[in-house]
Amino acid sequence: STSHACIMSQGQKSKAEAKRLSALLNEKSVKWKEIKAILQTQNSSSAAFDSLRRQALKRACLDPSPSMCKHTFKLLLQKTNLDHGQRVRYALLAVRCQNLNALTTLIYDNVSILYHARNGVDSFSCSNGNGNSTSTSTSNGNGNGNFNANDNANSTLLHLVCEKHGWNAEVQFILKETLENRDHDNAHEGMFECQPMIPQFVEMPLTLSMQAGSDLDEIISHLREEYPIYFANHIHCLSKIVAEYCCDLSLYHTLLRDYPQLLMLQSTHTRTRTLTPLTRTRKEEDRGWTPLHDACFYQNRDMIQMLLQEYKTREGRKVLKGRMLLVNAAFMSPLGYLLLNVGDRDSQNVWSCIRVCIDFFEDLHVFHLMVEHMFDQLVSNGTSHYMRIVQQIVNRLDIDLCGLDQDGKSVLGILVVKMAQCKDKKNRAVSKNLLQFVLSNSSSGSGRGRNPAEVRDGQCRLPIHWACETGLSWELGLESIVRSNIFALDECDPLSPGVLPFALVASNAR
């Protein structure tokens, strides 16, 4: 009976403490010392008391005042059974309320929450004791503001916090702990972490911070001061950020001066746009990207101008022209990203970028380069769209379709060679429209009144010679070239004296 009375007394005491704890949590100003005293003596595992401890944890995260000390918060963590997702939720709430004490305690208690913010991390609400409900969530861009574990299955705490709050003191602390505890995840790259091979792509925390409205200068200054080696090792990631988000390039100019290798580095991080230049939604690991690719992809006119001047100073104009045509893993060049986007609805900016390139090089034969180096990408975009691009470029830039480039090549000569080499049947059929456009627009540009089929190139060859030598079929385009200049059938090939065009066809057939 004495034992039974003792149990009854403990039960009554537990209920009294639970009632008192509930009353304390519902007060406008929480008395954390009293709560701490109750927690130190109470070890009840009842569902009711566990619920109160969780409520106390939420209130503690909401209270950044000095009265909520780290010792009290640590005691709450020790007394409450929390899974991984719940710990992450409390960390997000602490960041939202700028409660560095709570955030510090959560991370020091279990550093794994830095690296794997997943499995059930969704929005939740809690009462702050004065009748109001406070909620926290992570946005995934799905329009409802809630965190979806599937959409963000590979996000880390740094990703989630940067996406929601941008750059702040709490992010600086999370970054510090993330880099210092990389023995838990030695592949984590902090503000430059991205995971290109996962089904749902996750942006770099740095990009997420910029999207949240943070100041890039402030972030870069902190990284350079606190983590100089780490920053230098990831300098290649910055060209994309600058190209996409920066209008004032004073920061980038400083980086080019202090890190001259930046111009020569290739981007290896992931972009969230598909490889089709016209859709602008890429999702693949990029290789072969230079700062010039980034500047042209995002149509950053001032950055293009700055990079052209920097490359010219260091490498010379001739090498620079090659950089404008250097293809990446998507088989796209910097100039290609500009030219193949002139059909966009909002294309005024891209025309400004193209004009910068033309003015800089003076002898940049845009249409010749597009046909020779961007033929496959051009014709693969579909008949109506690519023809609109071609028409806009020829008309807006006043292209002479009968002119020769600096290598002595004609547009039609280049085109028939590309058509003959094209293996894709659909693209070959589509390219016939481009051929008809060139042949029927002899009045375009400064070569008005001239026939492109009659223009000899730098080797004194006519387009029909190139067409016959390369094996362009009658149906695909040879017929159109012959009909455009029937007299060329009697013109011997300058490179093969005495050989007529159709003899070239026979020779090629052998």
Protein backbone atom coordinates (compact mmCIF):
# COMPACT_ATOMS: atom_id res chain seq x y z
CA SER A 1 0.00 0.00 0.00
CA THR A 2 2.93 2.30 0.72
CA SER A 3 4.28 1.60 -2.78
CA HIS A 4 0.89 2.27 -4.32
CA ALA A 5 0.60 5.56 -2.44
CA CYS A 6 4.06 6.57 -3.63
CA ILE A 7 3.12 5.90 -7.27
CA MET A 8 -0.10 7.88 -6.80
CA SER A 9 1.90 10.75 -5.32
CA GLN A 10 4.37 10.73 -8.25
CA GLY A 11 1.51 10.68 -10.73
CA GLN A 12 -0.16 13.62 -9.09
CA LYS A 13 3.14 15.50 -9.00
CA SER A 14 3.70 14.77 -12.69
CA LYS A 15 0.26 16.09 -13.58
CA ALA A 16 0.83 19.19 -11.49
CA GLU A 17 4.16 19.84 -13.21
CA ALA A 18 2.61 19.25 -16.63
CA LYS A 19 -0.14 21.70 -15.81
CA ARG A 20 2.40 24.26 -14.58
CA LEU A 21 4.58 23.75 -17.66
CA SER A 22 1.59 24.26 -19.93
CA ALA A 23 0.69 27.47 -18.09
CA LEU A 24 4.27 28.78 -18.37
CA LEU A 25 4.38 28.10 -22.12
CA ASN A 26 1.17 30.00 -22.64
CA GLU A 27 2.43 33.14 -20.95
CA LYS A 28 3.44 36.06 -23.14
CA SER A 29 6.87 36.22 -21.52
CA VAL A 30 8.21 32.74 -20.87
CA LYS A 31 9.93 32.10 -17.56
CA TRP A 32 12.70 29.81 -18.77
CA LYS A 33 14.27 29.31 -15.33
CA GLU A 34 11.07 27.74 -14.01
CA ILE A 35 10.73 25.62 -17.12
CA LYS A 36 14.34 24.47 -16.75
CA ALA A 37 13.69 23.50 -13.10
CA ILE A 38 10.68 21.39 -14.12
CA LEU A 39 12.60 19.69 -16.92
CA GLN A 40 15.49 18.80 -14.61
CA THR A 41 13.22 16.86 -12.25
CA GLN A 42 10.70 15.49 -14.73
CA ASN A 43 11.51 12.36 -16.76
CA SER A 44 7.99 11.36 -17.72
CA SER A 45 7.73 9.56 -21.06
CA SER A 46 4.00 10.17 -21.40
CA ALA A 47 2.67 11.48 -24.70
CA ALA A 48 1.24 14.53 -22.95
CA PHE A 49 4.58 15.54 -21.44
CA ASP A 50 6.42 14.80 -24.68
CA SER A 51 4.02 17.15 -26.46
CA LEU A 52 4.75 19.85 -23.91
CA ARG A 53 8.50 19.44 -24.38
CA ARG A 54 8.08 19.83 -28.14
CA GLN A 55 5.99 22.94 -27.58
CA ALA A 56 8.75 24.26 -25.32
CA LEU A 57 11.32 23.59 -28.05
CA LYS A 58 9.30 25.60 -30.54
CA ARG A 59 8.91 28.47 -28.09
CA ALA A 60 12.66 28.32 -27.43
CA CYS A 61 13.39 28.59 -31.15
CA LEU A 62 11.05 31.57 -31.35
CA ASP A 63 12.74 33.36 -28.45
CA PRO A 64 16.15 34.87 -29.31
CA SER A 65 16.28 36.79 -26.04
CA PRO A 66 19.12 36.18 -23.54
CA SER A 67 16.67 34.66 -21.06
CA MET A 68 16.53 31.53 -23.22
CA CYS A 69 20.04 30.26 -22.57
CA LYS A 70 21.85 27.47 -24.39
CA HIS A 71 21.77 25.25 -21.28
CA THR A 72 17.97 25.29 -21.21
CA PHE A 73 17.76 24.54 -24.92
CA LYS A 74 20.25 21.70 -24.63
CA LEU A 75 18.26 20.22 -21.77
CA LEU A 76 15.13 20.34 -23.94
CA LEU A 77 16.95 18.48 -26.70
CA GLN A 78 18.14 15.81 -24.27
CA LYS A 79 14.69 15.28 -22.82
CA THR A 80 12.79 15.18 -26.15
CA ASN A 81 12.86 12.33 -28.64
CA LEU A 82 13.40 13.91 -32.07
CA ASP A 83 14.00 12.34 -35.43
CA HIS A 84 16.27 13.89 -38.06
CA GLY A 85 13.55 15.75 -39.93
CA GLN A 86 12.21 17.31 -36.73
CA ARG A 87 15.65 18.61 -35.81
CA VAL A 88 15.96 20.24 -39.22
CA ARG A 89 12.56 21.89 -38.78
CA TYR A 90 13.61 23.41 -35.48
CA ALA A 91 16.84 24.62 -37.05
CA LEU A 92 14.89 26.35 -39.83
CA LEU A 93 12.61 28.00 -37.27
CA ALA A 94 15.62 29.20 -35.27
CA VAL A 95 17.12 30.76 -38.40
CA ARG A 96 13.85 32.43 -39.24
CA CYS A 97 13.73 34.02 -35.79
CA GLN A 98 17.45 34.89 -35.90
CA ASN A 99 18.00 32.75 -32.83
CA LEU A 100 21.68 31.93 -33.12
CA ASN A 101 21.81 30.34 -29.64
CA ALA A 102 19.17 27.77 -30.55
CA LEU A 103 20.72 27.13 -33.96
CA THR A 104 24.18 26.66 -32.44
CA THR A 105 22.89 24.21 -29.86
CA LEU A 106 20.99 22.18 -32.46
CA ILE A 107 24.02 21.85 -34.72
CA TYR A 108 26.49 21.07 -31.93
CA ASP A 109 24.09 18.44 -30.59
CA ASN A 110 23.95 16.66 -33.97
CA VAL A 111 26.04 18.01 -36.86
CA SER A 112 24.43 15.61 -39.33
CA ILE A 113 21.54 18.05 -39.76
CA LEU A 114 23.97 20.25 -41.73
CA TYR A 115 24.25 17.76 -44.55
CA HIS A 116 21.02 15.84 -44.90
CA ALA A 117 17.96 18.06 -44.64
CA ARG A 118 15.43 15.58 -45.94
CA ASN A 119 12.77 13.02 -45.04
CA GLY A 120 9.67 14.81 -43.89
CA VAL A 121 10.91 18.38 -43.57
CA ASP A 122 7.70 20.26 -44.22
CA SER A 123 5.90 23.32 -42.91
CA PHE A 124 4.62 23.35 -39.35
CA SER A 125 3.00 25.84 -37.05
CA CYS A 126 3.29 26.49 -33.38
CA SER A 127 1.69 28.73 -30.82
CA ASN A 128 3.92 31.44 -29.43
CA GLY A 129 1.96 31.62 -26.21
CA ASN A 130 -0.02 34.77 -26.86
CA GLY A 131 -2.70 33.19 -29.01
CA ASN A 132 -0.93 33.71 -32.31
CA SER A 133 0.21 30.91 -34.55
CA THR A 134 3.65 31.02 -36.09
CA SER A 135 4.56 28.83 -39.04
CA THR A 136 7.71 28.09 -40.90
CA SER A 137 8.23 26.41 -44.24
CA THR A 138 10.75 26.08 -46.97
CA SER A 139 9.82 27.13 -50.43
CA ASN A 140 10.47 24.82 -53.34
CA GLY A 141 9.07 26.97 -56.08
CA ASN A 142 5.92 24.87 -56.46
CA GLY A 143 3.70 27.81 -55.67
CA ASN A 144 2.37 26.69 -52.28
CA GLY A 145 5.37 27.61 -50.14
CA ASN A 146 5.57 24.17 -48.52
CA PHE A 147 8.63 21.99 -48.46
CA ASN A 148 8.29 18.78 -50.42
CA ALA A 149 10.71 16.08 -49.36
CA ASN A 150 10.76 14.62 -52.85
CA ASP A 151 11.50 17.96 -54.53
CA ASN A 152 14.34 18.76 -52.11
CA ALA A 153 15.50 15.28 -51.23
CA ASN A 154 19.15 16.23 -51.67
CA SER A 155 19.07 19.72 -50.20
CA THR A 156 21.26 20.50 -47.22
CA LEU A 157 20.52 22.89 -44.39
CA LEU A 158 22.62 25.55 -46.11
CA HIS A 159 20.50 25.22 -49.27
CA LEU A 160 17.23 25.52 -47.37
CA VAL A 161 18.28 28.52 -45.30
CA CYS A 162 19.80 30.42 -48.24
CA GLU A 163 16.69 29.82 -50.33
CA LYS A 164 14.38 31.13 -47.63
CA HIS A 165 16.42 33.88 -45.97
CA GLY A 166 19.40 34.72 -48.15
CA TRP A 167 22.73 35.73 -46.63
CA ASN A 168 22.73 36.53 -42.89
CA ALA A 169 24.59 35.80 -39.66
CA GLU A 170 22.92 32.42 -39.27
CA VAL A 171 23.98 31.38 -42.77
CA GLN A 172 27.54 32.45 -41.98
CA PHE A 173 27.50 30.18 -38.93
CA ILE A 174 26.01 27.25 -40.87
CA LEU A 175 28.65 27.71 -43.58
CA LYS A 176 31.43 27.73 -40.98
CA GLU A 177 30.19 24.54 -39.36
CA THR A 178 29.56 22.90 -42.73
CA LEU A 179 33.14 23.48 -43.86
CA GLU A 180 34.66 22.57 -40.51
CA ASN A 181 32.73 19.30 -40.17
CA ARG A 182 33.18 17.95 -43.66
CA ASP A 183 34.34 14.62 -42.28
CA HIS A 184 30.59 13.87 -42.21
CA ASP A 185 30.28 14.77 -45.91
CA ASN A 186 33.66 15.48 -47.46
CA ALA A 187 32.07 16.26 -50.84
CA HIS A 188 30.10 19.23 -49.55
CA GLU A 189 31.34 22.48 -51.11
CA GLY A 190 29.53 24.97 -48.88
CA MET A 191 28.12 27.96 -50.74
CA PHE A 192 29.16 26.36 -54.04
CA GLU A 193 27.56 22.96 -53.40
CA CYS A 194 25.38 21.56 -56.17
CA GLN A 195 24.41 18.03 -57.12
CA PRO A 196 24.05 17.67 -60.89
CA MET A 197 23.43 13.93 -61.00
CA ILE A 198 20.27 13.81 -58.89
CA PRO A 199 16.77 13.65 -60.46
CA GLN A 200 15.72 16.95 -58.87
CA PHE A 201 18.45 19.50 -59.42
CA VAL A 202 19.47 21.63 -56.42
CA GLU A 203 20.96 25.09 -57.01
CA MET A 204 24.10 26.28 -55.24
CA PRO A 205 23.42 28.04 -51.91
CA LEU A 206 25.16 31.09 -53.37
CA THR A 207 22.67 31.19 -56.23
CA LEU A 208 19.76 30.68 -53.84
CA SER A 209 21.02 33.60 -51.73
CA MET A 210 21.10 35.82 -54.81
CA GLN A 211 17.57 34.77 -55.70
CA ALA A 212 16.54 35.73 -52.17
CA GLY A 213 17.89 39.25 -52.75
CA SER A 214 21.28 39.10 -51.04
CA ASP A 215 24.22 41.34 -51.93
CA LEU A 216 26.91 39.44 -53.84
CA ASP A 217 29.62 41.92 -52.82
CA GLU A 218 28.91 41.22 -49.16
CA ILE A 219 29.03 37.45 -49.63
CA ILE A 220 32.24 37.53 -51.69
CA SER A 221 33.95 39.86 -49.20
CA HIS A 222 33.15 37.46 -46.36
CA LEU A 223 34.33 34.39 -48.27
CA ARG A 224 37.57 36.04 -49.36
CA GLU A 225 38.35 37.23 -45.84
CA GLU A 226 37.35 34.11 -43.90
CA TYR A 227 38.12 31.33 -46.38
CA PRO A 228 40.67 32.60 -48.94
CA ILE A 229 41.84 29.16 -50.14
CA TYR A 230 38.32 27.78 -50.29
CA PHE A 231 37.20 30.83 -52.28
CA ALA A 232 40.11 30.63 -54.72
CA ASN A 233 39.35 26.96 -55.36
CA HIS A 234 35.79 27.83 -56.37
CA ILE A 235 36.43 31.05 -58.27
CA HIS A 236 35.31 29.33 -61.50
CA CYS A 237 31.73 29.23 -60.24
CA LEU A 238 31.38 33.01 -60.09
CA SER A 239 31.17 33.93 -63.77
CA LYS A 240 27.73 32.35 -64.06
CA ILE A 241 26.49 34.18 -60.96
CA VAL A 242 27.84 37.53 -62.17
CA ALA A 243 26.44 37.03 -65.68
CA GLU A 244 22.98 36.20 -64.39
CA TYR A 245 22.56 38.61 -61.51
CA CYS A 246 24.98 41.54 -61.78
CA CYS A 247 24.56 44.81 -63.65
CA ASP A 248 27.37 46.58 -61.82
CA LEU A 249 30.55 44.77 -62.86
CA SER A 250 32.97 46.55 -60.54
CA LEU A 251 33.14 43.40 -58.39
CA TYR A 252 33.89 41.20 -61.41
CA HIS A 253 36.55 43.63 -62.60
CA THR A 254 38.23 43.33 -59.19
CA LEU A 255 38.04 39.52 -59.35
CA LEU A 256 39.62 39.48 -62.81
CA ARG A 257 42.46 41.62 -61.49
CA ASP A 258 43.04 39.57 -58.35
CA TYR A 259 42.39 36.15 -59.93
CA PRO A 260 43.67 36.37 -63.53
CA GLN A 261 43.17 32.62 -63.91
CA LEU A 262 39.41 33.24 -63.85
CA LEU A 263 39.41 33.96 -67.59
CA MET A 264 40.99 30.62 -68.40
CA LEU A 265 38.91 28.45 -66.09
CA GLN A 266 35.98 26.40 -67.32
CA SER A 267 32.71 26.24 -65.42
CA THR A 268 32.05 22.78 -64.04
CA HIS A 269 28.95 23.50 -61.99
CA THR A 270 25.39 22.89 -63.10
CA ARG A 271 22.90 25.24 -64.64
CA THR A 272 19.16 24.78 -64.41
CA ARG A 273 18.56 25.29 -68.09
CA THR A 274 18.32 22.68 -70.79
CA LEU A 275 20.80 22.55 -73.60
CA THR A 276 18.32 23.97 -76.11
CA PRO A 277 19.27 27.65 -76.32
CA LEU A 278 15.78 28.79 -77.15
CA THR A 279 14.03 27.19 -74.17
CA ARG A 280 16.51 28.50 -71.58
CA THR A 281 15.85 25.71 -69.09
CA ARG A 282 19.02 23.66 -68.87
CA LYS A 283 19.54 20.68 -66.54
CA GLU A 284 22.83 18.86 -67.19
CA GLU A 285 26.40 18.93 -65.98
CA ASP A 286 28.22 21.52 -68.09
CA ARG A 287 31.68 21.11 -69.53
CA GLY A 288 33.66 23.48 -71.68
CA TRP A 289 31.94 26.59 -70.37
CA THR A 290 34.07 29.73 -70.24
CA PRO A 291 33.14 33.10 -68.73
CA LEU A 292 32.31 34.22 -72.28
CA HIS A 293 29.75 31.41 -72.59
CA ASP A 294 28.14 32.58 -69.36
CA ALA A 295 28.04 36.21 -70.42
CA CYS A 296 26.48 35.41 -73.80
CA PHE A 297 24.05 32.82 -72.41
CA TYR A 298 22.64 35.35 -69.94
CA GLN A 299 23.02 38.20 -72.46
CA ASN A 300 24.99 40.40 -70.08
CA ARG A 301 26.11 43.13 -72.50
CA ASP A 302 28.56 44.89 -70.18
CA MET A 303 30.15 41.62 -69.14
CA ILE A 304 30.60 40.59 -72.79
CA GLN A 305 32.29 43.89 -73.53
CA MET A 306 34.58 43.59 -70.50
CA LEU A 307 35.56 40.00 -71.33
CA LEU A 308 36.26 40.79 -74.99
CA GLN A 309 38.64 43.53 -73.95
CA GLU A 310 40.32 41.35 -71.31
CA TYR A 311 40.81 38.43 -73.70
CA LYS A 312 42.12 40.75 -76.42
CA THR A 313 44.67 42.25 -74.03
CA ARG A 314 45.91 38.85 -72.91
CA GLU A 315 45.62 36.71 -76.05
CA GLY A 316 45.13 38.97 -79.07
CA ARG A 317 42.18 39.50 -81.39
CA LYS A 318 42.80 36.41 -83.55
CA VAL A 319 42.67 33.99 -80.62
CA LEU A 320 39.66 35.82 -79.25
CA LYS A 321 37.62 35.15 -82.39
CA GLY A 322 38.26 31.47 -81.82
CA ARG A 323 36.91 31.82 -78.28
CA MET A 324 33.67 33.25 -79.65
CA LEU A 325 33.25 29.98 -81.61
CA LEU A 326 34.49 27.58 -78.91
CA VAL A 327 31.77 24.98 -78.27
CA ASN A 328 30.87 23.50 -74.89
CA ALA A 329 29.36 20.12 -74.03
CA ALA A 330 26.09 21.32 -75.54
CA PHE A 331 27.90 22.04 -78.83
CA MET A 332 27.08 25.71 -78.35
CA SER A 333 29.49 28.63 -78.69
CA PRO A 334 29.24 32.08 -77.03
CA LEU A 335 28.25 33.62 -80.38
CA GLY A 336 25.75 30.80 -80.91
CA TYR A 337 23.94 31.62 -77.67
CA LEU A 338 23.42 35.13 -78.99
CA LEU A 339 22.50 34.43 -82.60
CA LEU A 340 20.13 31.54 -81.87
CA ASN A 341 18.14 33.66 -79.43
CA VAL A 342 17.27 36.60 -81.67
CA GLY A 343 13.84 35.04 -82.18
CA ASP A 344 12.89 35.53 -78.52
CA ARG A 345 9.98 37.81 -77.74
CA ASP A 346 12.21 40.05 -75.67
CA SER A 347 15.21 40.09 -78.00
CA GLN A 348 16.23 43.74 -77.84
CA ASN A 349 18.95 42.95 -75.34
CA VAL A 350 20.44 40.17 -77.46
CA TRP A 351 20.68 42.54 -80.44
CA SER A 352 22.60 44.94 -78.22
CA CYS A 353 25.00 42.11 -77.31
CA ILE A 354 25.47 41.13 -80.96
CA ARG A 355 26.20 44.72 -81.87
CA VAL A 356 28.92 44.85 -79.20
CA CYS A 357 30.60 41.82 -80.80
CA ILE A 358 30.33 43.20 -84.33
CA ASP A 359 31.71 46.59 -83.34
CA PHE A 360 34.56 45.00 -81.42
CA PHE A 361 35.79 42.73 -84.25
CA GLU A 362 34.90 44.99 -87.21
CA ASP A 363 35.27 42.04 -89.63
CA LEU A 364 32.87 39.63 -87.91
CA HIS A 365 30.90 37.98 -90.74
CA VAL A 366 28.01 36.89 -88.55
CA PHE A 367 25.90 35.02 -91.10
CA HIS A 368 28.88 33.17 -92.57
CA LEU A 369 29.88 32.06 -89.07
CA MET A 370 26.34 31.01 -88.19
CA VAL A 371 25.99 28.82 -91.29
CA GLU A 372 29.44 27.29 -90.92
CA HIS A 373 29.62 26.75 -87.16
CA MET A 374 25.97 26.59 -86.01
CA PHE A 375 24.29 24.77 -88.88
CA ASP A 376 23.15 21.71 -86.90
CA GLN A 377 21.80 23.74 -83.99
CA LEU A 378 20.13 26.15 -86.37
CA VAL A 379 18.18 23.65 -88.50
CA SER A 380 17.27 21.41 -85.53
CA ASN A 381 15.09 24.11 -83.99
CA GLY A 382 12.29 23.64 -86.49
CA THR A 383 11.40 25.27 -89.80
CA SER A 384 9.37 28.26 -88.72
CA HIS A 385 11.59 29.28 -85.83
CA TYR A 386 14.97 28.98 -87.48
CA MET A 387 13.80 30.75 -90.61
CA ARG A 388 12.58 33.61 -88.45
CA ILE A 389 16.04 33.79 -86.87
CA VAL A 390 17.71 33.82 -90.29
CA GLN A 391 15.41 36.51 -91.67
CA GLN A 392 15.89 38.74 -88.64
CA ILE A 393 19.69 38.45 -88.75
CA VAL A 394 19.92 39.11 -92.50
CA ASN A 395 17.51 42.05 -92.43
CA ARG A 396 18.55 43.67 -89.17
CA LEU A 397 22.28 43.44 -89.80
CA ASP A 398 21.96 44.19 -93.51
CA ILE A 399 23.85 41.01 -94.46
CA ASP A 400 25.29 40.78 -97.98
CA LEU A 401 24.46 37.23 -99.07
CA CYS A 402 26.88 37.60 -101.97
CA GLY A 403 29.80 38.73 -99.84
CA LEU A 404 32.90 36.75 -98.90
CA ASP A 405 34.29 36.35 -95.40
CA GLN A 406 37.91 36.92 -94.38
CA ASP A 407 38.79 33.41 -95.58
CA GLY A 408 37.30 34.04 -99.01
CA LYS A 409 34.25 31.81 -98.49
CA SER A 410 30.77 32.61 -99.77
CA VAL A 411 27.58 31.96 -97.83
CA LEU A 412 26.18 29.64 -100.49
CA GLY A 413 29.47 27.76 -100.80
CA ILE A 414 29.53 27.12 -97.07
CA LEU A 415 25.88 26.14 -97.03
CA VAL A 416 26.00 23.50 -99.76
CA VAL A 417 28.97 21.81 -98.06
CA LYS A 418 27.12 21.71 -94.73
CA MET A 419 23.98 20.35 -96.40
CA ALA A 420 25.94 17.59 -98.13
CA GLN A 421 27.58 16.60 -94.83
CA CYS A 422 24.31 16.61 -92.89
CA LYS A 423 23.35 13.02 -91.94
CA ASP A 424 19.99 13.66 -90.30
CA LYS A 425 17.24 13.24 -92.90
CA LYS A 426 14.86 15.58 -91.14
CA ASN A 427 17.48 18.32 -90.78
CA ARG A 428 18.52 17.88 -94.41
CA ALA A 429 14.95 18.40 -95.55
CA VAL A 430 14.52 21.41 -93.27
CA SER A 431 17.77 22.95 -94.52
CA LYS A 432 16.31 23.19 -98.03
CA ASN A 433 14.31 26.17 -96.78
CA LEU A 434 17.54 27.92 -95.84
CA LEU A 435 18.97 27.22 -99.31
CA GLN A 436 15.86 28.63 -100.99
CA PHE A 437 16.05 31.71 -98.78
CA VAL A 438 19.66 32.42 -99.79
CA LEU A 439 18.97 31.86 -103.49
CA SER A 440 15.83 33.99 -103.52
CA ASN A 441 17.21 36.95 -101.55
CA SER A 442 19.75 38.30 -104.00
CA SER A 443 18.40 41.78 -103.24
CA SER A 444 19.42 41.59 -99.56
CA GLY A 445 22.23 43.66 -98.08
CA SER A 446 24.84 45.60 -100.02
CA GLY A 447 25.00 42.96 -102.77
CA ARG A 448 21.65 43.97 -104.25
CA GLY A 449 21.04 42.71 -107.77
CA ARG A 450 23.65 39.94 -107.57
CA ASN A 451 22.91 36.22 -107.65
CA PRO A 452 24.57 34.17 -104.87
CA ALA A 453 24.83 31.21 -107.26
CA GLU A 454 27.03 33.32 -109.55
CA VAL A 455 29.47 34.47 -106.84
CA ARG A 456 32.97 33.05 -107.01
CA ASP A 457 34.82 32.53 -103.75
CA GLY A 458 38.45 33.22 -102.94
CA GLN A 459 39.47 30.13 -104.93
CA CYS A 460 37.43 31.30 -107.96
CA ARG A 461 35.03 28.43 -107.39
CA LEU A 462 31.26 28.72 -107.91
CA PRO A 463 28.77 27.16 -105.46
CA ILE A 464 27.95 24.48 -108.05
CA HIS A 465 31.53 23.22 -107.90
CA TRP A 466 31.29 22.74 -104.14
CA ALA A 467 27.87 21.11 -104.46
CA CYS A 468 29.04 18.60 -107.06
CA GLU A 469 32.32 17.83 -105.33
CA THR A 470 30.70 17.17 -101.94
CA GLY A 471 27.94 15.02 -103.42
CA LEU A 472 24.92 17.22 -102.71
CA SER A 473 21.97 15.29 -104.12
CA TRP A 474 19.78 16.62 -106.91
CA GLU A 475 16.67 16.49 -104.73
CA LEU A 476 18.24 18.11 -101.68
CA GLY A 477 19.57 21.20 -103.42
CA LEU A 478 21.69 20.62 -106.51
CA GLU A 479 18.69 21.20 -108.78
CA SER A 480 18.02 24.60 -107.18
CA ILE A 481 21.65 25.67 -107.61
CA VAL A 482 21.72 24.58 -111.25
CA ARG A 483 18.49 26.41 -112.04
CA SER A 484 19.80 29.55 -110.32
CA ASN A 485 22.86 29.61 -112.59
CA ILE A 486 22.39 27.27 -115.54
CA PHE A 487 25.45 28.68 -117.31
CA ALA A 488 27.68 27.42 -114.51
CA LEU A 489 27.37 23.93 -116.01
CA ASP A 490 29.90 25.03 -118.62
CA GLU A 491 32.35 26.44 -116.02
CA CYS A 492 35.34 24.21 -115.34
CA ASP A 493 36.48 23.78 -111.76
CA PRO A 494 39.44 26.15 -111.11
CA LEU A 495 41.00 23.55 -108.81
CA SER A 496 40.64 20.78 -111.40
CA PRO A 497 41.39 22.35 -114.82
CA GLY A 498 39.21 21.01 -117.60
CA VAL A 499 36.76 19.27 -115.22
CA LEU A 500 33.12 20.33 -115.56
CA PRO A 501 30.70 20.30 -112.59
CA PHE A 502 28.98 17.03 -113.50
CA ALA A 503 32.35 15.41 -113.97
CA LEU A 504 32.96 16.27 -110.34
CA VAL A 505 29.77 14.41 -109.48
CA ALA A 506 30.98 11.31 -111.34
CA SER A 507 34.39 11.57 -109.70
CA ASN A 508 32.78 11.86 -106.28
CA ALA A 509 30.52 8.87 -106.97
CA ARG A 510 33.56 6.65 -107.55
